[in-house]
Amino acid sequence: MEAHGLPRPLLEEMGSEFRVTLAGPGDRFMETTTVQPTWAEGLNDRQVDAVLYVGKHGSIANREYRNLFGISNYTAATDLKGLIEKRLLVAEGMGRGRIYRIVT
């Protein structure tokens, strides 16, 4: 909700019931949002796309990252290191077998 500029859900306990109210965008329903999630602050577009890719596919390797974005090994390594430093991804394995997963 916050990532789309909407208010937090309203949580209410009503006797034996529990109600969650989600406020919609109202007139802004068809607007394109440009609000980035807080985890994406300070990341370049490749890094944001990589985190989303890992969320969908489970992991990414340096070679996959290079192929997805058409970049050099150095750029891929720098980008992935930045994601580790921001504690968004964690590296598993060594050398060519190293993969990157979402931090849990």
Protein backbone atom coordinates (compact mmCIF):
# COMPACT_ATOMS: atom_id res chain seq x y z
CA MET A 1 0.00 0.00 0.00
CA GLU A 2 2.75 2.43 0.97
CA ALA A 3 4.72 1.63 -2.19
CA HIS A 4 1.76 2.90 -4.22
CA GLY A 5 1.21 6.02 -2.14
CA LEU A 6 -1.90 4.67 -0.42
CA PRO A 7 -2.71 4.82 3.30
CA ARG A 8 -1.91 1.89 5.56
CA PRO A 9 -4.70 -0.66 6.02
CA LEU A 10 -7.12 0.09 8.87
CA LEU A 11 -7.31 -2.84 11.31
CA GLU A 12 -10.34 -3.05 13.61
CA GLU A 13 -11.51 -5.63 16.13
CA MET A 14 -15.30 -5.70 16.30
CA GLY A 15 -16.49 -8.20 18.89
CA SER A 16 -15.75 -11.66 17.52
CA GLU A 17 -14.86 -10.25 14.09
CA PHE A 18 -11.75 -8.66 12.69
CA ARG A 19 -12.04 -6.09 9.89
CA VAL A 20 -9.32 -4.91 7.50
CA THR A 21 -10.12 -1.83 5.42
CA LEU A 22 -7.96 -1.13 2.38
CA ALA A 23 -8.33 2.37 0.94
CA GLY A 24 -8.15 2.42 -2.83
CA PRO A 25 -6.65 5.11 -5.04
CA GLY A 26 -10.02 6.74 -5.77
CA ASP A 27 -9.68 9.07 -8.76
CA ARG A 28 -6.08 7.99 -9.23
CA PHE A 29 -7.07 4.42 -10.14
CA MET A 30 -5.74 4.60 -13.71
CA GLU A 31 -2.71 6.77 -12.94
CA THR A 32 0.72 5.27 -13.32
CA THR A 33 2.56 5.32 -10.04
CA THR A 34 6.13 6.56 -9.92
CA VAL A 35 6.61 5.87 -6.22
CA GLN A 36 9.44 3.43 -5.61
CA PRO A 37 9.32 1.00 -2.73
CA THR A 38 11.66 1.96 0.11
CA TRP A 39 13.94 -1.01 -0.55
CA ALA A 40 14.67 0.40 -4.04
CA GLU A 41 16.06 3.71 -2.80
CA GLY A 42 19.62 4.26 -4.00
CA LEU A 43 19.51 1.39 -6.51
CA ASN A 44 19.91 1.68 -10.26
CA ASP A 45 17.23 0.30 -12.58
CA ARG A 46 19.20 -2.91 -13.22
CA GLN A 47 19.45 -3.62 -9.50
CA VAL A 48 15.73 -3.04 -8.96
CA ASP A 49 14.92 -5.32 -11.90
CA ALA A 50 17.34 -7.94 -10.54
CA VAL A 51 15.65 -8.01 -7.12
CA LEU A 52 12.27 -8.41 -8.84
CA TYR A 53 13.75 -11.15 -11.06
CA VAL A 54 15.09 -13.04 -8.03
CA GLY A 55 11.73 -12.66 -6.32
CA LYS A 56 10.07 -14.30 -9.32
CA HIS A 57 12.70 -16.93 -10.21
CA GLY A 58 14.27 -17.67 -6.83
CA SER A 59 17.86 -16.79 -7.69
CA ILE A 60 20.18 -15.20 -10.22
CA ALA A 61 23.77 -15.90 -11.23
CA ASN A 62 26.30 -13.32 -12.40
CA ARG A 63 26.09 -14.71 -15.94
CA GLU A 64 22.27 -14.40 -15.96
CA TYR A 65 22.58 -10.82 -14.70
CA ARG A 66 25.07 -9.94 -17.45
CA ASN A 67 22.90 -11.53 -20.13
CA LEU A 68 19.70 -9.85 -18.91
CA PHE A 69 21.21 -6.38 -19.05
CA GLY A 70 24.00 -6.69 -21.63
CA ILE A 71 26.69 -5.52 -19.22
CA SER A 72 30.27 -6.44 -18.37
CA ASN A 73 31.35 -8.84 -15.64
CA TYR A 74 32.77 -5.90 -13.66
CA THR A 75 29.48 -3.96 -13.78
CA ALA A 76 27.49 -7.07 -12.83
CA ALA A 77 29.81 -7.82 -9.91
CA THR A 78 29.60 -4.21 -8.71
CA ASP A 79 25.79 -4.16 -8.94
CA LEU A 80 25.41 -7.51 -7.16
CA LYS A 81 27.89 -6.47 -4.45
CA GLY A 82 25.76 -3.36 -3.87
CA LEU A 83 22.66 -5.51 -3.42
CA ILE A 84 24.50 -7.66 -0.87
CA GLU A 85 25.69 -4.54 0.98
CA LYS A 86 22.09 -3.26 1.14
CA ARG A 87 21.13 -6.67 2.54
CA LEU A 88 18.65 -7.36 -0.25
CA LEU A 89 20.49 -10.36 -1.70
CA VAL A 90 22.75 -12.98 -0.20
CA ALA A 91 25.44 -14.88 -2.15
CA GLU A 92 25.54 -18.66 -2.00
CA GLY A 93 28.37 -20.78 -3.35
CA MET A 94 31.71 -19.87 -4.87
CA GLY A 95 33.12 -19.13 -8.31
CA ARG A 96 30.97 -19.95 -11.33
CA GLY A 97 28.45 -21.77 -9.13
CA ARG A 98 27.68 -18.67 -7.04
CA ILE A 99 24.05 -17.58 -7.05
CA TYR A 100 22.23 -14.73 -5.37
CA ARG A 101 18.97 -15.11 -3.43
CA ILE A 102 16.65 -12.80 -1.56
CA VAL A 103 17.67 -12.30 2.09
CA THR A 104 15.20 -14.06 4.37
